[in-house]
């Protein structure tokens, strides 16, 4: 798991696993940067790996390789 000085960690949109900071910075289209600290619950929504924005459930299900499902 990546726990550097970047203020958060990176998670792969494809596998859902944590990746190193170096990999996350090299692959911005398939990784999501997660802020450090406590986060509130998003209620099971989908987030785009490329833009970081929330997307509809239908889009998230159609694009599992470029979105992450947040529980």
N, C-alpha and C. Protein backbone atom coordinates (compact mmCIF):
# COMPACT_ATOMS: atom_id res chain seq x y z
N UNK A 1 0.84 -1.17 0.00
CA UNK A 1 0.00 0.00 0.00
C UNK A 1 0.88 1.23 0.00
N UNK A 2 0.48 2.24 -0.71
CA UNK A 2 1.27 3.44 -0.85
C UNK A 2 0.92 4.44 0.24
N UNK A 3 1.88 4.73 1.09
CA UNK A 3 1.65 5.70 2.15
C UNK A 3 2.84 6.66 2.19
N UNK A 4 2.96 7.49 1.19
CA UNK A 4 4.09 8.41 1.12
C UNK A 4 3.73 9.79 1.60
N UNK A 5 4.53 10.77 1.21
CA UNK A 5 4.31 12.14 1.60
C UNK A 5 3.36 12.86 0.65
N UNK A 6 2.75 12.13 -0.27
CA UNK A 6 1.88 12.74 -1.27
C UNK A 6 0.53 13.16 -0.69
N UNK A 7 0.22 12.77 0.52
CA UNK A 7 -1.04 13.15 1.12
C UNK A 7 -2.19 12.24 0.75
N UNK A 8 -1.90 11.02 0.42
CA UNK A 8 -2.94 10.07 0.07
C UNK A 8 -2.35 8.84 -0.57
N UNK A 9 -3.22 8.02 -1.13
CA UNK A 9 -2.74 6.80 -1.77
C UNK A 9 -3.41 6.65 -3.12
N UNK A 10 -2.89 5.75 -3.91
CA UNK A 10 -3.43 5.50 -5.24
C UNK A 10 -4.05 4.11 -5.27
N UNK A 11 -5.16 4.00 -5.99
CA UNK A 11 -5.85 2.72 -6.13
C UNK A 11 -6.09 2.47 -7.61
N UNK A 12 -5.86 1.25 -8.04
CA UNK A 12 -6.08 0.87 -9.43
C UNK A 12 -7.57 0.79 -9.72
N UNK A 13 -7.99 1.38 -10.85
CA UNK A 13 -9.40 1.28 -11.25
C UNK A 13 -9.70 -0.09 -11.82
N UNK A 14 -8.70 -0.80 -12.28
CA UNK A 14 -8.90 -2.11 -12.88
C UNK A 14 -9.06 -3.19 -11.81
N UNK A 15 -8.11 -3.24 -10.87
CA UNK A 15 -8.14 -4.30 -9.86
C UNK A 15 -8.75 -3.86 -8.53
N UNK A 16 -8.76 -2.56 -8.26
CA UNK A 16 -9.25 -2.06 -6.99
C UNK A 16 -8.21 -2.11 -5.89
N UNK A 17 -7.02 -2.59 -6.21
CA UNK A 17 -5.95 -2.71 -5.22
C UNK A 17 -5.16 -1.42 -5.13
N UNK A 18 -4.51 -1.24 -3.99
CA UNK A 18 -3.62 -0.10 -3.83
C UNK A 18 -2.36 -0.32 -4.66
N UNK A 19 -1.85 0.75 -5.25
CA UNK A 19 -0.63 0.68 -6.05
C UNK A 19 0.36 1.71 -5.50
N UNK A 20 1.60 1.62 -5.93
CA UNK A 20 2.62 2.54 -5.45
C UNK A 20 2.35 3.95 -6.00
N UNK A 21 2.90 4.92 -5.33
CA UNK A 21 2.76 6.31 -5.78
C UNK A 21 3.35 6.48 -7.17
N UNK A 22 4.49 5.84 -7.44
CA UNK A 22 5.12 5.95 -8.75
C UNK A 22 4.21 5.40 -9.84
N UNK A 23 3.58 4.27 -9.59
CA UNK A 23 2.66 3.69 -10.58
C UNK A 23 1.44 4.59 -10.76
N UNK A 24 0.92 5.11 -9.68
CA UNK A 24 -0.24 5.99 -9.76
C UNK A 24 0.04 7.24 -10.56
N UNK A 25 1.22 7.79 -10.41
CA UNK A 25 1.58 9.00 -11.16
C UNK A 25 1.86 8.68 -12.63
N UNK A 26 2.35 7.48 -12.92
CA UNK A 26 2.60 7.08 -14.31
C UNK A 26 1.33 6.71 -15.05
N UNK A 27 0.30 6.30 -14.33
CA UNK A 27 -0.93 5.80 -14.95
C UNK A 27 -2.16 6.56 -14.45
N UNK A 28 -2.25 7.85 -14.76
CA UNK A 28 -3.37 8.64 -14.24
C UNK A 28 -4.72 8.23 -14.82
N UNK A 29 -4.74 7.57 -15.97
CA UNK A 29 -6.00 7.18 -16.59
C UNK A 29 -6.64 5.96 -15.98
N UNK A 30 -5.86 5.16 -15.26
CA UNK A 30 -6.40 3.93 -14.68
C UNK A 30 -6.20 3.84 -13.18
N UNK A 31 -5.82 4.96 -12.55
CA UNK A 31 -5.69 4.97 -11.10
C UNK A 31 -6.44 6.17 -10.53
N UNK A 32 -6.84 6.04 -9.27
CA UNK A 32 -7.55 7.10 -8.57
C UNK A 32 -6.72 7.48 -7.37
N UNK A 33 -6.49 8.79 -7.19
CA UNK A 33 -5.76 9.27 -6.03
C UNK A 33 -6.78 9.50 -4.92
N UNK A 34 -6.56 8.85 -3.79
CA UNK A 34 -7.46 8.98 -2.66
C UNK A 34 -6.84 9.90 -1.62
N UNK A 35 -7.61 10.82 -1.14
CA UNK A 35 -7.12 11.76 -0.13
C UNK A 35 -6.84 11.03 1.17
N UNK A 36 -5.88 11.54 1.92
CA UNK A 36 -5.57 10.92 3.21
C UNK A 36 -6.58 11.36 4.25
N UNK A 37 -6.64 10.63 5.33
CA UNK A 37 -7.53 10.97 6.42
C UNK A 37 -8.87 10.29 6.28
N UNK A 38 -9.75 10.61 7.19
CA UNK A 38 -11.09 10.01 7.17
C UNK A 38 -11.90 10.58 6.03
N UNK A 39 -12.61 9.72 5.36
CA UNK A 39 -13.50 10.12 4.30
C UNK A 39 -14.92 9.75 4.68
N UNK A 40 -15.85 10.53 4.22
CA UNK A 40 -17.24 10.21 4.47
C UNK A 40 -17.71 9.12 3.53
N UNK A 41 -18.80 8.49 3.85
CA UNK A 41 -19.35 7.45 3.00
C UNK A 41 -19.97 8.07 1.76
N UNK A 42 -19.70 7.47 0.61
CA UNK A 42 -20.28 7.97 -0.64
C UNK A 42 -21.54 7.21 -1.00
N UNK A 43 -21.91 6.22 -0.22
CA UNK A 43 -23.15 5.49 -0.47
C UNK A 43 -23.07 4.52 -1.63
N UNK A 44 -21.90 4.00 -1.95
CA UNK A 44 -21.79 3.01 -3.00
C UNK A 44 -21.83 3.59 -4.40
N UNK A 45 -21.15 4.69 -4.63
CA UNK A 45 -21.18 5.32 -5.95
C UNK A 45 -19.94 4.98 -6.75
N UNK A 46 -19.95 5.36 -8.02
CA UNK A 46 -18.85 5.11 -8.93
C UNK A 46 -18.10 6.40 -9.20
N UNK A 47 -16.77 6.28 -9.36
CA UNK A 47 -15.94 7.44 -9.66
C UNK A 47 -15.05 7.12 -10.84
N UNK A 48 -14.91 8.08 -11.75
CA UNK A 48 -14.07 7.93 -12.93
C UNK A 48 -12.60 8.00 -12.54
N UNK A 49 -11.78 7.11 -13.08
CA UNK A 49 -10.35 7.14 -12.79
C UNK A 49 -9.67 8.28 -13.54
N UNK A 50 -10.16 8.64 -14.71
CA UNK A 50 -9.49 9.68 -15.49
C UNK A 50 -9.79 11.08 -14.98
N UNK A 51 -11.03 11.35 -14.57
CA UNK A 51 -11.37 12.71 -14.14
C UNK A 51 -11.50 12.83 -12.62
N UNK A 52 -11.75 11.72 -11.94
CA UNK A 52 -11.96 11.76 -10.50
C UNK A 52 -13.37 12.15 -10.12
N UNK A 53 -14.21 12.38 -11.11
CA UNK A 53 -15.59 12.79 -10.85
C UNK A 53 -16.50 11.59 -10.65
N UNK A 54 -17.60 11.84 -9.96
CA UNK A 54 -18.60 10.79 -9.79
C UNK A 54 -19.31 10.58 -11.12
N UNK A 55 -19.64 9.34 -11.42
CA UNK A 55 -20.36 9.00 -12.64
C UNK A 55 -21.59 8.19 -12.26
N UNK A 56 -22.50 8.02 -13.20
CA UNK A 56 -23.72 7.27 -12.92
C UNK A 56 -23.39 5.79 -12.72
N UNK A 57 -24.29 5.10 -12.04
CA UNK A 57 -24.10 3.67 -11.82
C UNK A 57 -24.07 2.92 -13.14
N UNK A 58 -24.89 3.34 -14.10
CA UNK A 58 -24.91 2.68 -15.41
C UNK A 58 -23.56 2.82 -16.11
N UNK A 59 -22.98 4.00 -16.07
CA UNK A 59 -21.67 4.21 -16.69
C UNK A 59 -20.59 3.41 -15.96
N UNK A 60 -20.65 3.39 -14.64
CA UNK A 60 -19.68 2.63 -13.86
C UNK A 60 -19.71 1.15 -14.17
N UNK A 61 -20.90 0.60 -14.36
CA UNK A 61 -21.03 -0.81 -14.68
C UNK A 61 -20.57 -1.12 -16.10
N UNK A 62 -20.76 -0.17 -17.03
CA UNK A 62 -20.32 -0.36 -18.42
C UNK A 62 -18.82 -0.22 -18.56
N UNK A 63 -18.18 0.50 -17.65
CA UNK A 63 -16.75 0.81 -17.76
C UNK A 63 -15.99 0.38 -16.51
N UNK A 64 -15.93 -0.91 -16.22
CA UNK A 64 -15.27 -1.34 -14.99
C UNK A 64 -13.76 -1.12 -14.98
N UNK A 65 -13.13 -0.97 -16.15
CA UNK A 65 -11.69 -0.79 -16.20
C UNK A 65 -11.24 0.62 -15.94
N UNK A 66 -12.15 1.59 -16.05
CA UNK A 66 -11.76 2.99 -15.86
C UNK A 66 -12.57 3.68 -14.77
N UNK A 67 -13.32 2.91 -13.99
CA UNK A 67 -14.06 3.47 -12.87
C UNK A 67 -13.82 2.63 -11.62
N UNK A 68 -14.00 3.23 -10.47
CA UNK A 68 -13.90 2.50 -9.21
C UNK A 68 -15.24 2.58 -8.50
N UNK A 69 -15.60 1.50 -7.85
CA UNK A 69 -16.84 1.47 -7.09
C UNK A 69 -16.50 1.73 -5.63
N UNK A 70 -17.01 2.80 -5.10
CA UNK A 70 -16.73 3.17 -3.71
C UNK A 70 -17.88 2.73 -2.83
N UNK A 71 -17.54 2.06 -1.74
CA UNK A 71 -18.58 1.53 -0.85
C UNK A 71 -18.76 2.41 0.34
